[in-house]
């Protein structure tokens, strides 16, 4: 078995794909349902798709501590929510291990299920969103918003809640601070995801300095 075929099989297991789903994905990506019938370029194309869906090759997903990173197609969204909680002051420890512990205690759902199975991941995501909304006042609803509205962006929702913590009596100063941080005109509203990360991290630092003890959850 070539190394690329072996890697694809590892990805299948890591992403929690059953045989039918796996074959359908191969067929959709390359037009072939079996890796043995593919060229090396086609197998690399499959691996690229699987990596984009959360596959982390063995040995590649290690943190500086040596502990494995979370992987799986729902890991990034869950980590984004957890770090948002950290930047809002509701989470004391941004590490993946703290996230795993919270999920286990709050839902009883084990790691392999919520990392790879949509129904379990959705339960965990909604639990995290509900907790962050209660503890930090984040408004998740998009009701009444235009489909292209910047107010739908994850970063905007978190940053607005952060600003309400940092400067509750200075709502009008939100956009001047935000646009200054990312070097835009003060009337600019459509920030990129990376720009919102810059804003969220900055405001998170301010929250942690102003409130050394997290708002709500010593979880």
Foldseek 3Di string as FASTA:
>chain_A
DDPLLVLLVVLCVQQVPDLVRQQVLLCVQPVGSDPVPDDPVSSVSSVVVSVQQWDDGPPRQADPVRDGDQTYNLRVVLLVLLVLCLLLLQDQDSDVVVSQVVCCVPPVDHRSCLRRPDVNVVVSSVVSVVVCCVQQVQDQDCPPPDPPDLCNDPLNSSLLSLCCVLPVPCSVCSQVVLCVQVVHDSPDRNDDPVSSVSSSVVSSVSNCVVPVHGRHDPD
